[in-house]
Amino acid sequence: MGLFSFLKKKNDAPADDILVMPDSRLRAGEPSRLDSEAERERQRAIARATAAKIDEIELAMASDIFDDEPAWGSARRPAAANAPVMSPPEPEEALEAPVPPASAPAVEESAILYANGQAAAAESLLRDSLQDFGRGERLPWWMLFDLYQATGREADFESLAIDYASHFETSPPAWQPLLPVEAPALGAGVAASEAFGAVLDSGAAPRLQRLLASSAPLVRIDLGAVRSVTPEGCAGLLSALQALRKEGRELVLAGADTLLGALRPMLVVGDRSAGEAPWLLLLELLLLSNREKDFEESAMDYCVTFEVSPPSFETPRRVSTAAPAPVKGDRFLLPPVAGGPSAALLDAVDAYAEGRELLVLDCSRLARMDYACATALQSRLHAHAAQGRDIELRELNHLVAALLRLLGFAQDGAAGDVKTGAIRLYPHRY
């Protein structure tokens, strides 16, 4: 009998007959449910996929239970007692080539409308596309998520997230605004950057000091590889983050969720053994990530544990969040809005390109790029590619990525008498 046989229907009924709860309806004004015949066929497909997944899990678990020794040459090895924690592989080792997603006229038209400042028209077009193109493709949903995050519409984002989870039967994206609502004008430029390894301890102090001593107006701190922390490491990072915030420096915080995941197991309400630094670092990260509700809940736990008043929440003004860096080295951060006269931006890109073979344009803060700026940037980047430089646009939101793809930004490097660099687009992942 299979390990999960109790989950299957009695009498070995075919998978097609497994009952699956139907999706909830979308809200008024949004795409209606599929017609009943199509819905039944979809549910049968889900049932077949579920049965196949159960069989796959059974096979994997049986292998784990009865196969104590891996096959010769296998990368899997039994864990040794007290084995040191190994750093995760560098992101470059597992980097996938960007693959353009499926497209449709609604996607391209909405990307142009949004680029030209017509967010309401773009939203309407994308919502209409959910009932046809969006039935099987997630791209229009992702574009709507980014539109709501770029415009600070959290309630609309959460409403769409419920429908997305119901339709695709998967976890929806989490709310992470692309930039604070009514944020001050933020510039572009090369950022002072530090990426921390698997253990955040007192050894991080020199690197934090370098960031604080840097004259760069932009600072990027990458925490995506951190897997464990010490109280001393927490205290050092907390002090640096508070100093950067007090100085009004612009901060890009990458991989904050990873560090939050390492901190939470250390913190137990009523237990002071970890000290205050990890608690205060947790609150600082939640504040910088603009998660007020989580901040207030954790602040109450801190108050109960140490019997002192917790810090108060204040909306961050010059902070944005990003995914962990896929490549090392300096990167050029694009501004939250790239539009209007673009000469200064293009000159800054040229200055950044001097002496570099790889140009990494960090788009983690970029909410919108207008059509004129996009065409001007395309011309300048193609000129750099013609000189043999490879160019990567990282962390693009899906609205901007659709516009750049439509304009033909991406190009493969050509080998020959004259080397031509490649231009690659990497939208952020949901």
Protein backbone atom coordinates (compact mmCIF):
# COMPACT_ATOMS: atom_id res chain seq x y z
CA MET A 1 0.00 0.00 0.00
CA GLY A 2 1.37 3.44 -0.89
CA LEU A 3 2.35 5.84 1.85
CA PHE A 4 -0.36 8.24 0.75
CA SER A 5 -3.03 5.64 -0.09
CA PHE A 6 -5.34 7.06 2.54
CA LEU A 7 -5.51 10.25 0.49
CA LYS A 8 -6.87 8.43 -2.57
CA LYS A 9 -10.48 7.56 -3.22
CA LYS A 10 -11.77 4.18 -2.11
CA ASN A 11 -12.06 1.22 -4.52
CA ASP A 12 -9.25 2.62 -6.71
CA ALA A 13 -11.60 5.08 -8.34
CA PRO A 14 -10.08 6.83 -11.35
CA ALA A 15 -8.39 10.14 -10.71
CA ASP A 16 -10.96 11.90 -12.89
CA ASP A 17 -13.59 11.25 -10.21
CA ILE A 18 -11.65 12.87 -7.37
CA LEU A 19 -13.62 15.79 -6.01
CA VAL A 20 -11.84 19.13 -6.09
CA MET A 21 -13.31 22.29 -4.66
CA PRO A 22 -14.06 24.77 -7.43
CA ASP A 23 -12.42 28.16 -7.64
CA SER A 24 -14.15 31.11 -6.03
CA ARG A 25 -15.58 33.74 -8.32
CA LEU A 26 -13.68 36.84 -9.26
CA ARG A 27 -15.15 40.11 -8.13
CA ALA A 28 -17.75 42.15 -9.93
CA GLY A 29 -16.43 43.73 -13.08
CA GLU A 30 -13.70 41.09 -13.37
CA PRO A 31 -13.59 37.98 -15.62
CA SER A 32 -16.40 35.52 -14.93
CA ARG A 33 -15.91 31.80 -14.19
CA LEU A 34 -15.14 29.41 -16.98
CA ASP A 35 -18.18 27.76 -18.50
CA SER A 36 -19.22 24.54 -16.76
CA GLU A 37 -17.82 22.09 -19.34
CA ALA A 38 -14.42 23.78 -19.46
CA GLU A 39 -14.42 23.97 -15.66
CA ARG A 40 -15.10 20.23 -15.35
CA GLU A 41 -12.28 19.46 -17.76
CA ARG A 42 -9.93 21.72 -15.78
CA GLN A 43 -10.88 20.00 -12.53
CA ARG A 44 -10.20 16.59 -14.13
CA ALA A 45 -6.76 17.81 -15.20
CA ILE A 46 -6.10 19.03 -11.66
CA ALA A 47 -7.20 15.69 -10.27
CA ARG A 48 -4.89 13.79 -12.63
CA ALA A 49 -1.99 16.08 -11.75
CA THR A 50 -2.71 15.64 -8.04
CA ALA A 51 -2.72 11.86 -8.32
CA ALA A 52 0.54 11.94 -10.27
CA LYS A 53 2.10 14.20 -7.66
CA ILE A 54 1.06 11.87 -4.84
CA ASP A 55 2.67 8.94 -6.67
CA GLU A 56 5.82 10.98 -7.17
CA ILE A 57 5.99 11.88 -3.46
CA GLU A 58 5.45 8.24 -2.51
CA LEU A 59 8.31 7.18 -4.76
CA ALA A 60 10.62 9.85 -3.38
CA MET A 61 9.80 8.99 0.24
CA ALA A 62 10.26 5.29 -0.40
CA SER A 63 13.65 6.05 -1.90
CA ASP A 64 14.63 8.09 1.15
CA ILE A 65 13.45 5.40 3.57
CA PHE A 66 14.98 2.35 1.89
CA ASP A 67 18.00 3.91 0.14
CA ASP A 68 20.32 4.89 2.97
CA GLU A 69 23.36 4.95 0.70
CA PRO A 70 23.29 7.06 -2.46
CA ALA A 71 24.36 5.60 -5.75
CA TRP A 72 28.02 5.82 -6.62
CA GLY A 73 28.83 9.27 -7.94
CA SER A 74 25.67 10.82 -6.46
CA ALA A 75 26.01 14.34 -5.11
CA ARG A 76 23.94 13.36 -2.02
CA ARG A 77 25.92 12.33 1.08
CA PRO A 78 24.79 11.43 4.61
CA ALA A 79 25.06 14.48 6.88
CA ALA A 80 27.93 14.17 9.33
CA ALA A 81 27.42 15.08 12.94
CA ASN A 82 28.47 18.63 13.76
CA ALA A 83 29.22 19.24 10.10
CA PRO A 84 29.99 22.89 9.36
CA VAL A 85 27.31 24.96 7.70
CA MET A 86 28.26 25.44 4.07
CA SER A 87 27.57 28.61 2.19
CA PRO A 88 24.97 28.29 -0.57
CA PRO A 89 26.36 28.21 -4.11
CA GLU A 90 27.02 31.53 -5.72
CA PRO A 91 23.97 32.69 -7.69
CA GLU A 92 25.98 32.75 -10.91
CA GLU A 93 26.35 28.97 -10.80
CA ALA A 94 22.61 28.39 -11.07
CA LEU A 95 21.79 31.39 -13.22
CA GLU A 96 19.25 30.70 -15.92
CA ALA A 97 19.16 32.45 -19.24
CA PRO A 98 16.23 34.86 -19.50
CA VAL A 99 13.36 33.38 -21.47
CA PRO A 100 10.80 35.80 -22.95
CA PRO A 101 7.32 34.85 -21.73
CA ALA A 102 4.30 34.48 -23.96
CA SER A 103 2.90 37.77 -25.15
CA ALA A 104 -0.35 39.18 -26.49
CA PRO A 105 -1.58 42.51 -27.92
CA ALA A 106 -3.11 43.41 -24.54
CA VAL A 107 0.25 42.96 -22.83
CA GLU A 108 2.09 45.15 -25.33
CA GLU A 109 -0.61 47.84 -25.44
CA SER A 110 -0.87 48.03 -21.65
CA ALA A 111 2.93 48.30 -21.37
CA ILE A 112 2.89 51.32 -23.73
CA LEU A 113 -0.07 52.91 -21.93
CA TYR A 114 1.64 52.54 -18.56
CA ALA A 115 4.92 53.90 -19.94
CA ASN A 116 3.05 57.00 -21.13
CA GLY A 117 1.56 57.60 -17.69
CA GLN A 118 -1.89 56.12 -18.41
CA ALA A 119 -1.97 53.66 -15.52
CA ALA A 120 -5.78 53.50 -15.33
CA ALA A 121 -6.10 52.57 -19.01
CA ALA A 122 -3.34 49.98 -18.67
CA GLU A 123 -5.06 48.48 -15.64
CA SER A 124 -8.40 48.23 -17.45
CA LEU A 125 -6.81 46.50 -20.45
CA LEU A 126 -4.94 44.02 -18.27
CA ARG A 127 -8.03 43.19 -16.25
CA ASP A 128 -10.00 42.56 -19.41
CA SER A 129 -7.26 40.21 -20.64
CA LEU A 130 -7.58 37.96 -17.59
CA GLN A 131 -10.67 36.26 -19.01
CA ASP A 132 -8.88 35.06 -22.16
CA PHE A 133 -5.09 35.36 -22.28
CA GLY A 134 -4.92 35.33 -18.48
CA ARG A 135 -6.70 31.99 -18.19
CA GLY A 136 -3.49 30.11 -18.87
CA GLU A 137 -0.79 32.80 -18.76
CA ARG A 138 0.37 34.54 -15.58
CA LEU A 139 2.07 37.50 -17.22
CA PRO A 140 -0.96 39.87 -17.19
CA TRP A 141 -1.52 39.01 -13.53
CA TRP A 142 2.12 39.81 -12.73
CA MET A 143 1.87 43.10 -14.60
CA LEU A 144 -1.19 44.03 -12.53
CA PHE A 145 0.63 43.12 -9.32
CA ASP A 146 3.51 45.40 -10.32
CA LEU A 147 1.14 48.21 -11.32
CA TYR A 148 -0.53 48.11 -7.90
CA GLN A 149 2.81 47.99 -6.09
CA ALA A 150 4.19 50.87 -8.15
CA THR A 151 1.14 53.01 -7.33
CA GLY A 152 0.86 52.00 -3.66
CA ARG A 153 -2.55 50.30 -3.96
CA GLU A 154 -2.24 47.57 -1.36
CA ALA A 155 -5.98 46.81 -1.06
CA ASP A 156 -6.29 46.21 -4.82
CA PHE A 157 -3.13 44.09 -4.71
CA GLU A 158 -4.52 41.88 -1.94
CA SER A 159 -7.84 41.50 -3.75
CA LEU A 160 -6.06 40.39 -6.92
CA ALA A 161 -3.86 38.05 -4.87
CA ILE A 162 -6.94 36.18 -3.62
CA ASP A 163 -8.21 35.68 -7.17
CA TYR A 164 -4.75 34.67 -8.40
CA ALA A 165 -4.44 32.02 -5.67
CA SER A 166 -7.91 30.70 -6.49
CA HIS A 167 -7.36 30.60 -10.24
CA PHE A 168 -3.85 29.09 -10.32
CA GLU A 169 -4.14 27.19 -7.02
CA THR A 170 -0.79 28.46 -5.82
CA SER A 171 0.49 30.96 -3.31
CA PRO A 172 0.12 34.57 -4.47
CA PRO A 173 2.93 37.15 -4.37
CA ALA A 174 3.48 39.11 -1.16
CA TRP A 175 2.96 42.87 -1.05
CA GLN A 176 6.28 44.68 -1.51
CA PRO A 177 5.79 48.17 -2.94
CA LEU A 178 8.30 49.13 -5.61
CA LEU A 179 8.87 52.46 -3.92
CA PRO A 180 7.25 54.32 -1.02
CA VAL A 181 4.15 56.28 -1.92
CA GLU A 182 5.00 59.98 -2.39
CA ALA A 183 8.70 59.17 -2.19
CA PRO A 184 11.14 62.03 -2.74
CA ALA A 185 12.96 62.19 -6.05
CA LEU A 186 15.73 59.58 -6.06
CA GLY A 187 18.61 59.67 -8.46
CA ALA A 188 20.57 57.12 -10.42
CA GLY A 189 24.17 56.15 -9.97
CA VAL A 190 26.73 53.55 -8.93
CA ALA A 191 26.00 52.15 -5.48
CA ALA A 192 28.41 51.29 -2.70
CA SER A 193 27.60 47.62 -2.25
CA GLU A 194 28.35 44.84 0.22
CA ALA A 195 27.07 41.25 0.15
CA PHE A 196 27.30 39.17 3.32
CA GLY A 197 27.96 35.45 3.53
CA ALA A 198 26.25 32.55 5.27
CA VAL A 199 27.11 33.71 8.81
CA LEU A 200 26.54 37.27 10.00
CA ASP A 201 28.80 37.78 13.01
CA SER A 202 31.33 40.26 14.37
CA GLY A 203 33.47 39.69 11.27
CA ALA A 204 31.02 41.84 9.30
CA ALA A 205 32.15 45.01 11.12
CA PRO A 206 34.91 46.09 8.66
CA ARG A 207 32.58 45.77 5.67
CA LEU A 208 29.87 47.76 7.41
CA GLN A 209 32.42 50.44 8.25
CA ARG A 210 33.40 50.66 4.57
CA LEU A 211 29.78 51.31 3.66
CA LEU A 212 29.42 54.02 6.28
CA ALA A 213 32.70 55.65 5.25
CA SER A 214 31.79 55.65 1.56
CA SER A 215 30.81 58.97 0.03
CA ALA A 216 28.38 57.26 -2.38
CA PRO A 217 24.82 58.58 -1.96
CA LEU A 218 23.50 55.11 -2.80
CA VAL A 219 24.13 52.07 -0.61
CA ARG A 220 23.15 48.47 -1.36
CA ILE A 221 23.30 45.78 1.33
CA ASP A 222 22.74 42.21 0.15
CA LEU A 223 21.63 39.77 2.85
CA GLY A 224 20.36 37.00 0.59
CA ALA A 225 23.08 34.48 1.51
CA VAL A 226 22.77 34.84 5.31
CA ARG A 227 21.70 31.61 7.00
CA SER A 228 22.68 32.19 10.63
CA VAL A 229 23.41 35.20 12.83
CA THR A 230 25.07 35.98 16.15
CA PRO A 231 24.06 38.70 18.62
CA GLU A 232 27.29 40.56 17.76
CA GLY A 233 26.51 40.46 14.05
CA CYS A 234 22.97 41.67 14.75
CA ALA A 235 24.25 44.59 16.81
CA GLY A 236 26.72 45.65 14.12
CA LEU A 237 24.21 45.53 11.27
CA LEU A 238 21.55 47.26 13.38
CA SER A 239 23.92 50.13 14.16
CA ALA A 240 24.86 50.53 10.49
CA LEU A 241 21.26 50.50 9.28
CA GLN A 242 20.21 53.06 11.86
CA ALA A 243 23.17 55.29 10.94
CA LEU A 244 22.32 55.12 7.22
CA ARG A 245 18.70 55.97 7.95
CA LYS A 246 19.68 58.88 10.20
CA GLU A 247 22.05 60.28 7.56
CA GLY A 248 19.31 60.15 4.94
CA ARG A 249 21.40 57.95 2.67
CA GLU A 250 19.49 56.09 0.00
CA LEU A 251 19.43 52.38 0.78
CA VAL A 252 18.63 49.29 -1.28
CA LEU A 253 18.06 46.33 1.03
CA ALA A 254 18.37 43.04 -0.86
CA GLY A 255 17.37 39.66 0.55
CA ALA A 256 15.84 41.06 3.75
CA ASP A 257 13.38 38.16 3.91
CA THR A 258 16.26 35.69 4.10
CA LEU A 259 17.71 37.41 7.16
CA LEU A 260 14.25 37.68 8.73
CA GLY A 261 13.94 33.91 8.31
CA ALA A 262 17.25 33.41 10.12
CA LEU A 263 16.28 35.76 12.95
CA ARG A 264 12.81 34.51 13.84
CA PRO A 265 13.84 31.06 15.22
CA MET A 266 16.13 32.86 17.70
CA LEU A 267 13.30 34.90 19.20
CA VAL A 268 10.84 33.48 21.70
CA VAL A 269 8.40 35.69 23.56
CA GLY A 270 9.46 35.91 27.20
CA ASP A 271 12.97 34.51 26.54
CA ARG A 272 15.73 37.11 26.90
CA SER A 273 18.66 34.76 26.28
CA ALA A 274 19.26 36.03 22.72
CA GLY A 275 19.61 39.60 23.96
CA GLU A 276 17.95 42.72 22.60
CA ALA A 277 20.03 43.15 19.43
CA PRO A 278 18.31 40.39 17.37
CA TRP A 279 14.88 41.70 18.39
CA LEU A 280 15.79 45.28 17.48
CA LEU A 281 17.32 44.17 14.18
CA LEU A 282 14.10 42.32 13.36
CA LEU A 283 12.10 45.50 14.01
CA GLU A 284 14.53 47.59 11.94
CA LEU A 285 14.24 45.25 8.96
CA LEU A 286 10.44 45.28 9.17
CA LEU A 287 10.47 49.07 9.33
CA LEU A 288 12.82 49.40 6.36
CA SER A 289 10.64 46.93 4.42
CA ASN A 290 7.59 49.09 5.22
CA ARG A 291 5.70 46.22 6.89
CA GLU A 292 3.82 48.16 9.52
CA LYS A 293 1.47 45.37 10.62
CA ASP A 294 4.30 42.85 11.14
CA PHE A 295 6.31 45.57 12.89
CA GLU A 296 3.53 46.30 15.38
CA GLU A 297 3.03 42.61 16.19
CA SER A 298 6.76 42.02 16.72
CA ALA A 299 7.07 45.24 18.72
CA MET A 300 4.42 43.95 21.13
CA ASP A 301 6.35 40.68 21.52
CA TYR A 302 9.53 42.67 22.21
CA CYS A 303 7.69 44.80 24.78
CA VAL A 304 6.36 41.72 26.61
CA THR A 305 9.77 40.04 26.58
CA PHE A 306 11.91 42.93 27.85
CA GLU A 307 9.23 44.98 29.64
CA VAL A 308 10.29 48.19 27.91
CA SER A 309 8.62 50.45 25.37
CA PRO A 310 9.31 49.27 21.81
CA PRO A 311 10.53 51.52 18.98
CA SER A 312 7.81 53.33 17.06
CA PHE A 313 7.12 52.73 13.38
CA GLU A 314 7.96 55.45 10.88
CA THR A 315 7.51 55.09 7.15
CA PRO A 316 10.90 54.77 5.40
CA ARG A 317 11.50 57.48 2.82
CA ARG A 318 14.68 56.58 0.99
CA VAL A 319 14.65 52.79 1.17
CA SER A 320 13.73 50.16 -1.40
CA THR A 321 13.88 46.38 -1.25
CA ALA A 322 15.21 43.95 -3.84
CA ALA A 323 15.98 40.31 -4.44
CA PRO A 324 19.49 39.02 -3.67
CA ALA A 325 22.10 39.98 -6.24
CA PRO A 326 22.61 37.36 -8.98
CA VAL A 327 26.03 38.79 -9.84
CA LYS A 328 28.88 40.31 -7.87
CA GLY A 329 30.43 43.71 -8.25
CA ASP A 330 29.20 47.24 -8.68
CA ARG A 331 25.89 47.91 -10.32
CA PHE A 332 24.20 50.99 -11.71
CA LEU A 333 20.88 51.73 -10.02
CA LEU A 334 18.20 53.23 -12.21
CA PRO A 335 15.86 55.81 -10.61
CA PRO A 336 12.27 55.01 -9.59
CA VAL A 337 10.93 56.91 -12.60
CA ALA A 338 12.99 57.22 -15.79
CA GLY A 339 11.37 59.82 -17.98
CA GLY A 340 11.64 63.30 -19.43
CA PRO A 341 15.06 64.57 -20.49
CA SER A 342 17.38 61.57 -20.36
CA ALA A 343 20.75 63.12 -21.19
CA ALA A 344 21.95 63.12 -17.55
CA LEU A 345 20.95 59.48 -17.08
CA LEU A 346 22.65 58.37 -20.30
CA ASP A 347 25.84 60.28 -19.41
CA ALA A 348 25.87 58.55 -16.02
CA VAL A 349 25.52 55.16 -17.72
CA ASP A 350 28.45 56.05 -20.00
CA ALA A 351 30.59 57.01 -17.00
CA TYR A 352 29.71 53.74 -15.28
CA ALA A 353 30.63 51.77 -18.42
CA GLU A 354 34.19 53.09 -18.58
CA GLY A 355 36.65 50.23 -18.02
CA ARG A 356 33.95 47.58 -17.56
CA GLU A 357 33.19 44.55 -19.71
CA LEU A 358 29.91 43.76 -17.90
CA LEU A 359 27.32 46.45 -17.22
CA VAL A 360 24.67 45.57 -14.62
CA LEU A 361 21.74 47.97 -14.55
CA ASP A 362 19.83 47.39 -11.32
CA CYS A 363 16.12 48.07 -11.91
CA SER A 364 14.90 47.05 -8.45
CA ARG A 365 13.71 50.62 -7.72
CA LEU A 366 12.43 51.31 -11.23
CA ALA A 367 8.64 51.66 -11.22
CA ARG A 368 8.16 53.22 -14.67
CA MET A 369 10.16 54.19 -17.74
CA ASP A 370 8.53 56.33 -20.40
CA TYR A 371 8.69 55.51 -24.10
CA ALA A 372 11.09 58.30 -25.05
CA CYS A 373 13.58 57.40 -22.32
CA ALA A 374 13.37 53.71 -23.23
CA THR A 375 14.21 54.37 -26.89
CA ALA A 376 17.09 56.68 -25.94
CA LEU A 377 18.47 54.13 -23.47
CA GLN A 378 18.16 51.39 -26.07
CA SER A 379 20.29 53.33 -28.53
CA ARG A 380 22.97 54.01 -25.90
CA LEU A 381 23.09 50.41 -24.67
CA HIS A 382 23.34 49.04 -28.20
CA ALA A 383 26.32 51.34 -28.73
CA HIS A 384 28.02 49.84 -25.67
CA ALA A 385 27.17 46.32 -26.84
CA ALA A 386 28.76 47.13 -30.22
CA GLN A 387 31.99 47.79 -28.27
CA GLY A 388 31.91 44.25 -26.89
CA ARG A 389 30.31 44.92 -23.50
CA ASP A 390 27.70 42.56 -22.08
CA ILE A 391 24.73 44.29 -20.49
CA GLU A 392 22.20 42.95 -18.00
CA LEU A 393 19.05 44.73 -16.85
CA ARG A 394 18.20 43.09 -13.53
CA GLU A 395 15.04 43.04 -11.38
CA LEU A 396 12.80 44.62 -14.01
CA ASN A 397 9.16 44.87 -13.08
CA HIS A 398 6.96 43.11 -15.63
CA LEU A 399 5.44 46.30 -17.04
CA VAL A 400 8.83 47.77 -17.92
CA ALA A 401 10.14 44.39 -19.11
CA ALA A 402 7.21 44.09 -21.55
CA LEU A 403 7.97 47.56 -22.96
CA LEU A 404 11.70 46.86 -23.39
CA ARG A 405 10.99 43.49 -24.98
CA LEU A 406 8.57 45.13 -27.39
CA LEU A 407 11.24 47.68 -28.38
CA GLY A 408 13.74 44.91 -29.08
CA PHE A 409 16.16 45.62 -26.25
CA ALA A 410 17.43 42.08 -25.89
CA GLN A 411 20.10 40.89 -28.30
CA ASP A 412 22.54 37.99 -28.46
CA GLY A 413 26.24 38.61 -28.57
CA ALA A 414 27.77 37.83 -31.97
CA ALA A 415 31.13 36.10 -32.31
CA GLY A 416 33.24 37.00 -35.29
CA ASP A 417 35.88 39.45 -36.40
CA VAL A 418 34.28 42.06 -34.14
CA LYS A 419 32.85 40.85 -30.82
CA THR A 420 29.40 42.20 -30.05
CA GLY A 421 28.11 42.12 -26.50
CA ALA A 422 24.76 40.69 -25.44
CA ILE A 423 21.89 42.59 -23.82
CA ARG A 424 19.75 40.49 -21.51
CA LEU A 425 16.54 41.29 -19.63
CA TYR A 426 15.85 39.68 -16.25
CA PRO A 427 12.37 40.45 -14.83
CA HIS A 428 11.96 39.82 -11.12
CA ARG A 429 10.34 36.52 -10.17
CA TYR A 430 7.01 35.94 -8.49
